[in-house]
Amino acid sequence: MTNNVKEIFTTVSAPPAPAALSAKVRTLAPSMTRSMQLVAEAVAGDPAGCAALTVTGLAELTGTSEATVVRTARILGYPGYRDLRLALAGLAAQQQSGRAPSVTADIAVDDPIADVVSKLAYDEQQTLADTAAALDTVQLGAAVSALSTARRIDIYGVGASSLVGQDLAQKLLRIGLIAHAHADPHLAVTNAVQLRSGDVAIAITHSGATGDVIEPLHTAFEHGATTIAITGRPDGRVSQYADHILTTSTARESELRPAAMSSRTSQLLVVDCLFIGVMQRTYDKAAPALSASYEALAHRHTPRTGR
């Protein structure tokens, strides 16, 4: 590890559960080489068939090499091809038990509003399930630990991600932590300069390549703060400066469902997981702080009498 760039994964993680495999493929395939994509698409599309193949057989089926198959397995989070085959067998068993397929139709311009509701609900349920299945709980636990003892927390995000950052900041403030969400990139950097060891900086970027988010995270990293990335691209540039990486999944994008919509759902789930984790770790202090905030606002929610 150097002062400028660190290894992407700093904590040893367990292989993904079988249910996470399809989510991993959807999340990581865009950043893979074409040959790796062929392997990933094959195992996600026919887990039962691929589970029966040796590494040589899968390489022949996909027109790739044994080395490519092994590299793909490792990118998907498995130590080797044997571990991937076990996950494929587990996924095949789950599918045979009657689980609904992860397929949905795009929203069309002339869809009735009832169909829009159904399709959006299905897509968001699938996005949440994919994110939960693929979320690395070891990384999540480490992030929760850092937040629970942080002197100060800075959160960076732009566009739709800034709204998610504001949501996390206000949650943490209500349980007594000092947290600020910065949507202005200039303010984000000038605040990041003030961070030190014992502070935490969180970057939220679906693409993993948003410069206005990466710059303050890099600055915070350089000044010794613990850094966290919430991203849909764990191999993206933001990960170079993240001590802990929390990967999100998204629904398939379309003209009527842009990335900002599909990524927000999974980001909010990760934010809620962080908040509940911190609440659990700091309950003796967090619970009274939350109660005090409710009491301070109670008069604003009580119906007025008289006039």
Foldseek 3Di string as FASTA:
>chain_A
DDLQFDDLAPDDFDAFALLLLLLLLQLAVVVDDPLLNLLSCVCNVQLPVVLPDDLCRSCVVSVHDSVSNQVSCVSSRHNGVPRVSVSSVVNVVVVVVPDDDLDADDDDPPDDVVVVVVRVVSQLVVQQSNLVRNWGVVLLLVLLVLQLQAQAEEEEDEDLVLVLQVVLQVLCVLQPHHYDYDHDLVVLQVVLLPAAARHEYEYEDAVLEDPSRQNSLSSNLSRHHAYEYEYSHSPHPSSRSHNGYTHGGFGDDDPVRHPSNGRSSRSNVSSVSSSVSSCVVNVVRRVVSNVVVCVVCVVVVDDDDDD
